[in-house]
Amino acid sequence: MTTLALVIGAFVAVSAVVYVAGPFLREPAVEGRADRFDELEPESRRALELAEQRDRALAALKELEFDHRTGKLSDTDYREQIGPLRQQAADALRGLERAEQ
């Protein structure tokens, strides 16, 4: 009797997992065009690249600032590294502004 209960329980558990995972496993049904990120228009792709560049530069600036405040980075090293990172962030922001217009 307990073996039958275990088999039925396992069957119900597997069925529930397959039922819940089903929508994630099949291709999306979008009429007229595919629902994929790699099929972005060139302008959208460029804006996405610039946004990623901006985010990386800002994250690096934040980490650099943290390292400087905690004493892991000397004042000289901080001054050497902050300029190029600020330039990268500014370039990305300018590019995003142009892309939005």
C-alpha atoms as a PDB file:
ATOM      1  CA  MET A   1       0.000   0.000   0.000  1.00  0.00           C
ATOM      2  CA  THR A   2       2.792   2.485   0.860  1.00  0.00           C
ATOM      3  CA  THR A   3       4.626   1.677  -2.377  1.00  0.00           C
ATOM      4  CA  LEU A   4       1.512   2.525  -4.378  1.00  0.00           C
ATOM      5  CA  ALA A   5       1.167   5.795  -2.466  1.00  0.00           C
ATOM      6  CA  LEU A   6       4.809   6.682  -3.190  1.00  0.00           C
ATOM      7  CA  VAL A   7       4.369   5.939  -6.907  1.00  0.00           C
ATOM      8  CA  ILE A   8       1.211   8.043  -7.094  1.00  0.00           C
ATOM      9  CA  GLY A   9       2.884  10.858  -5.137  1.00  0.00           C
ATOM     10  CA  ALA A  10       5.910  10.816  -7.432  1.00  0.00           C
ATOM     11  CA  PHE A  11       3.652  10.856 -10.498  1.00  0.00           C
ATOM     12  CA  VAL A  12       1.695  13.830  -9.161  1.00  0.00           C
ATOM     13  CA  ALA A  13       4.914  15.704  -8.308  1.00  0.00           C
ATOM     14  CA  VAL A  14       6.451  15.121 -11.757  1.00  0.00           C
ATOM     15  CA  SER A  15       3.190  16.097 -13.446  1.00  0.00           C
ATOM     16  CA  ALA A  16       3.024  19.329 -11.452  1.00  0.00           C
ATOM     17  CA  VAL A  17       6.624  20.241 -12.342  1.00  0.00           C
ATOM     18  CA  VAL A  18       6.016  19.596 -16.060  1.00  0.00           C
ATOM     19  CA  TYR A  19       2.769  21.579 -15.979  1.00  0.00           C
ATOM     20  CA  VAL A  20       4.361  24.575 -14.238  1.00  0.00           C
ATOM     21  CA  ALA A  21       7.524  24.540 -16.382  1.00  0.00           C
ATOM     22  CA  GLY A  22       5.624  24.125 -19.669  1.00  0.00           C
ATOM     23  CA  PRO A  23       5.246  27.832 -20.528  1.00  0.00           C
ATOM     24  CA  PHE A  24       8.955  28.424 -19.930  1.00  0.00           C
ATOM     25  CA  LEU A  25      10.032  25.567 -22.192  1.00  0.00           C
ATOM     26  CA  ARG A  26       8.066  26.332 -25.355  1.00  0.00           C
ATOM     27  CA  GLU A  27       8.705  29.088 -27.877  1.00  0.00           C
ATOM     28  CA  PRO A  28       6.668  32.280 -27.452  1.00  0.00           C
ATOM     29  CA  ALA A  29       3.784  32.685 -29.863  1.00  0.00           C
ATOM     30  CA  VAL A  30       4.032  36.248 -31.142  1.00  0.00           C
ATOM     31  CA  GLU A  31       2.118  37.163 -34.248  1.00  0.00           C
ATOM     32  CA  GLY A  32       4.106  38.780 -37.020  1.00  0.00           C
ATOM     33  CA  ARG A  33       7.539  38.870 -35.431  1.00  0.00           C
ATOM     34  CA  ALA A  34       9.796  36.925 -33.152  1.00  0.00           C
ATOM     35  CA  ASP A  35      10.048  37.828 -29.477  1.00  0.00           C
ATOM     36  CA  ARG A  36      13.842  37.896 -29.273  1.00  0.00           C
ATOM     37  CA  PHE A  37      16.357  40.440 -28.015  1.00  0.00           C
ATOM     38  CA  ASP A  38      18.876  39.687 -30.752  1.00  0.00           C
ATOM     39  CA  GLU A  39      16.489  41.053 -33.351  1.00  0.00           C
ATOM     40  CA  LEU A  40      16.668  44.657 -32.192  1.00  0.00           C
ATOM     41  CA  GLU A  41      16.745  47.502 -34.646  1.00  0.00           C
ATOM     42  CA  PRO A  42      20.217  49.042 -35.102  1.00  0.00           C
ATOM     43  CA  GLU A  43      19.235  52.219 -33.204  1.00  0.00           C
ATOM     44  CA  SER A  44      17.879  50.226 -30.271  1.00  0.00           C
ATOM     45  CA  ARG A  45      20.924  47.980 -30.258  1.00  0.00           C
ATOM     46  CA  ARG A  46      23.245  51.022 -30.158  1.00  0.00           C
ATOM     47  CA  ALA A  47      21.226  52.595 -27.320  1.00  0.00           C
ATOM     48  CA  LEU A  48      21.429  49.336 -25.377  1.00  0.00           C
ATOM     49  CA  GLU A  49      25.207  49.157 -25.890  1.00  0.00           C
ATOM     50  CA  LEU A  50      25.585  52.762 -24.710  1.00  0.00           C
ATOM     51  CA  ALA A  51      23.419  52.112 -21.648  1.00  0.00           C
ATOM     52  CA  GLU A  52      25.555  49.096 -20.773  1.00  0.00           C
ATOM     53  CA  GLN A  53      28.733  51.146 -21.248  1.00  0.00           C
ATOM     54  CA  ARG A  54      27.325  53.882 -19.000  1.00  0.00           C
ATOM     55  CA  ASP A  55      26.348  51.363 -16.327  1.00  0.00           C
ATOM     56  CA  ARG A  56      29.781  49.735 -16.364  1.00  0.00           C
ATOM     57  CA  ALA A  57      31.539  53.103 -16.095  1.00  0.00           C
ATOM     58  CA  LEU A  58      29.299  54.265 -13.245  1.00  0.00           C
ATOM     59  CA  ALA A  59      29.778  50.980 -11.381  1.00  0.00           C
ATOM     60  CA  ALA A  60      33.545  51.295 -11.801  1.00  0.00           C
ATOM     61  CA  LEU A  61      33.397  54.883 -10.502  1.00  0.00           C
ATOM     62  CA  LYS A  62      31.408  53.769  -7.491  1.00  0.00           C
ATOM     63  CA  GLU A  63      33.870  50.973  -6.738  1.00  0.00           C
ATOM     64  CA  LEU A  64      36.825  53.328  -7.210  1.00  0.00           C
ATOM     65  CA  GLU A  65      35.271  55.838  -4.823  1.00  0.00           C
ATOM     66  CA  PHE A  66      34.632  53.108  -2.260  1.00  0.00           C
ATOM     67  CA  ASP A  67      38.192  51.804  -2.509  1.00  0.00           C
ATOM     68  CA  HIS A  68      39.543  55.331  -2.075  1.00  0.00           C
ATOM     69  CA  ARG A  69      37.373  56.057   0.968  1.00  0.00           C
ATOM     70  CA  THR A  70      38.293  52.778   2.643  1.00  0.00           C
ATOM     71  CA  GLY A  71      41.982  53.398   2.099  1.00  0.00           C
ATOM     72  CA  LYS A  72      42.582  50.594  -0.377  1.00  0.00           C
ATOM     73  CA  LEU A  73      43.549  53.132  -3.031  1.00  0.00           C
ATOM     74  CA  SER A  74      46.008  55.988  -2.620  1.00  0.00           C
ATOM     75  CA  ASP A  75      45.186  59.565  -3.583  1.00  0.00           C
ATOM     76  CA  THR A  76      47.614  59.413  -6.510  1.00  0.00           C
ATOM     77  CA  ASP A  77      46.110  56.224  -7.918  1.00  0.00           C
ATOM     78  CA  TYR A  78      42.609  57.601  -7.408  1.00  0.00           C
ATOM     79  CA  ARG A  79      43.418  60.772  -9.379  1.00  0.00           C
ATOM     80  CA  GLU A  80      44.978  58.725 -12.190  1.00  0.00           C
ATOM     81  CA  GLN A  81      41.991  56.416 -12.551  1.00  0.00           C
ATOM     82  CA  ILE A  82      39.058  58.777 -11.979  1.00  0.00           C
ATOM     83  CA  GLY A  83      39.565  60.888 -15.122  1.00  0.00           C
ATOM     84  CA  PRO A  84      39.286  58.135 -17.744  1.00  0.00           C
ATOM     85  CA  LEU A  85      36.305  56.583 -15.979  1.00  0.00           C
ATOM     86  CA  ARG A  86      34.485  59.915 -15.851  1.00  0.00           C
ATOM     87  CA  GLN A  87      35.259  60.398 -19.544  1.00  0.00           C
ATOM     88  CA  GLN A  88      33.799  56.976 -20.400  1.00  0.00           C
ATOM     89  CA  ALA A  89      30.633  57.717 -18.448  1.00  0.00           C
ATOM     90  CA  ALA A  90      30.281  61.159 -20.062  1.00  0.00           C
ATOM     91  CA  ASP A  91      30.809  59.738 -23.558  1.00  0.00           C
ATOM     92  CA  ALA A  92      28.166  57.101 -22.979  1.00  0.00           C
ATOM     93  CA  LEU A  93      25.704  59.685 -21.634  1.00  0.00           C
ATOM     94  CA  ARG A  94      26.288  61.968 -24.627  1.00  0.00           C
ATOM     95  CA  GLY A  95      25.769  59.042 -26.970  1.00  0.00           C
ATOM     96  CA  LEU A  96      22.516  58.131 -25.231  1.00  0.00           C
ATOM     97  CA  GLU A  97      21.255  61.708 -25.533  1.00  0.00           C
ATOM     98  CA  ARG A  98      21.983  61.676 -29.270  1.00  0.00           C
ATOM     99  CA  ALA A  99      20.312  58.287 -29.667  1.00  0.00           C
ATOM    100  CA  GLU A 100      17.170  59.514 -27.900  1.00  0.00           C
ATOM    101  CA  GLN A 101      16.913  62.529 -30.231  1.00  0.00           C
END
